[in-house]
């Protein structure tokens, strides 16, 4: 009845329960277990012990009979008894292929070891921070805190309902709950040899303790031998004192990971805070929770050099049609930062509501907000802008006009300023005067309008301190102006006819006056770049040296090439590929009619390349290296700032935001960071990495939809299209990546 090979046949069970078996057995069986590794008891006794332990500790989980091997840069599932080495899925994902689990794919040198080392987050700390001023130091402090919290979130048992945006309140804990366990962790994290005694004291008083530690399973569980003694030390060096993100900010970084015996040293070097923040995000992707050993693991040695291909990697959220809470927006900013996106275009107002509180003209939100609770007050905006900054994101506010205006503008006539907005009559069908309900368009011939705009711009510049301001410019309805009495009287008084040419001139009158008020609000010393939606008006009326054009045309439209050929700076947002609200729309109006018949998938988001698009449209040298251009010629790439996904919120609010956006927008993020060449680099390995990125985002609390059944995550070679199969077959004979021998 004795089985001397029990430990060899059941290593996971043996390792996990040898201590418990030692406790319940007599002294002879205990000595036998520790010395010989066998259990000389009847099988029924072992089962009884395991059940008893499981009942007592609620700890038992089935071990896995599978291992994973890296083949052609994909993790393949196999039986453990057939594997040369027992490798967990998480370890395979970290080390398989040239780029492992990194998302977006780095653009420079990448070297990843095929080995990992286990460690406890209690042994992870920042031992050195070099920055040119205290402001950058404080920002790095915040970034490392957020990074550390995300590491704790990797534990599968971390409560999902506690994964919320990382705000100032997250760093406060009732002193009565501040027990020794959290105190020791906090001191270990932040009191390091490189800090002076006074700095340690001030730092400790400032930090107190992180609330998330209260729920971290890592502080409650025992760890594998050696893990408690392995140190992961992070050293960060930033050379530039610039703390504000702009289109010209250097976001590059170098990350080096080196392990020597019981110490892993991580060195981050970046010109700016924003590059260092990206490096911390990359570092977090070299770490994973290993189910087999119930521990964190980090790639043993690594080197990554990286910088983005495009300056502008954005997301537009409409909060005018449906309101989003501050927490909803912060969750979005978190998810954007996990994908190294850097611009949040906040379409804060629309015809349906005006939730932006204006200190100078409070009537706007008084009349225009859905309720007093659904208002973005100045302190809300300040919190969001600061939150975005720490995550490497610049906020671009939009005050739409002249269309998409109604709610909030009605007070003008009541206070003797005349009608500020036209075509809002309830007895007139919206489709006779607008593009969707509710109809409404600013009154370009009312001088009072521009005084109001000037005050609103002053508030916006104070709240946001923006680099760029979006001025709208989409869905203008000439039918509105054609039917408005004020416009008819103005045209008649100036001997002008009611035709398209005159309406374009009216539009130009509005845009010129509005921009003048924006410049006036900014002052002579401050430069604000205006953004406007693409249209025939934009192509023919606005100054290419002043405006940035957000291109919304479909990918095959020649107008896209016209902007670049004429020297306009552009942000790609073509509606057939990077628009999110068409997924299940039943809403009315022109925007719905323009939805693509084929709903864009993550692959559409990934393959939608601005430079390839321009090449296909005949733009010369769209894919050429700027260094190869003649000195007197312009390179088309200089005019493409980047791209932006858009979510018009007719049928979406905070409840559906994340599932509509992620992980499809993550695919766009790699397109704009890396600009991978297709099919040279292929969809195949991108598919496996985006599956891992989606899982990582879920661990961090993002409600991202799955792209495939989880089966595909566990065997990356098993889920493919016919086209992928053909491509794999053609390259199957090629050797694996140097760091990953085929198994």
Foldseek 3Di string as FASTA:
>chain_A
DWDLCVCVVCVLCCVVCLVLCLVPDDPVQNVCCVPRVTGGDDPVVVVVSVVVVCVVPVDDDDADQWAWAAAQQFTFIDGPVPDPDHHFLLLCQLQGFQQRLDFPGFADDKDFFSDKDFAFLLQEAAAAEADPDVVLVVLVVVLVVVLSLLLLLQQPPQDLVPQFFDAPVQQDDDPVPLDPLQVSSVLSHQVHPVDDPVCSVVVCVVRVGGNSVVRRVSSVDDFDPLRHQAHEYEHEHEADPDLDDDLPDWQKKKWKWADDVRYIYIYIYYPGSNNSSLNSLRQSSQWHQGPSRRTIMGGRIMIGTHFFPFSAQAAEDECAQPHADLRLLSLVLVLCLNNSGAEYEYNDHFQQFRQEAAPVCRLQRVQGPPDPVRHCYLVSLLRSLVSNSSSNYAYAYEDEAQWRHHTRQCCCVVVVQPRQKFDQDPVDDCVQAFFAPPTIGGDLVRPVNLVVLLSVLLRVCVSRVHQEYEHEAPGHGLSGLLPTPVNVVVCVVVVHDSDPVVVLVSVLSNVVSSVVSNDVSQDDVHAYAYEYEDDPSCLPPDDQVRHEYEYAAALQDLVLLSCLVVNHQYAYAHQAQQEQAQPPDPGDGDVVVPHDPDHHDLVSLQPSAPLVSNVVSPDPQSPPDPVPDDPPDDHSSVRYNYYYHYYDVNPDYSVCVQQSPPPSSSSNSSCRGNVDDPPVVHCLSVVLSSQVSRVSSVSSNGPYDHPDPCVCNNGVVPDDDPVVVVVCVVCSPPAGDPSRGGD
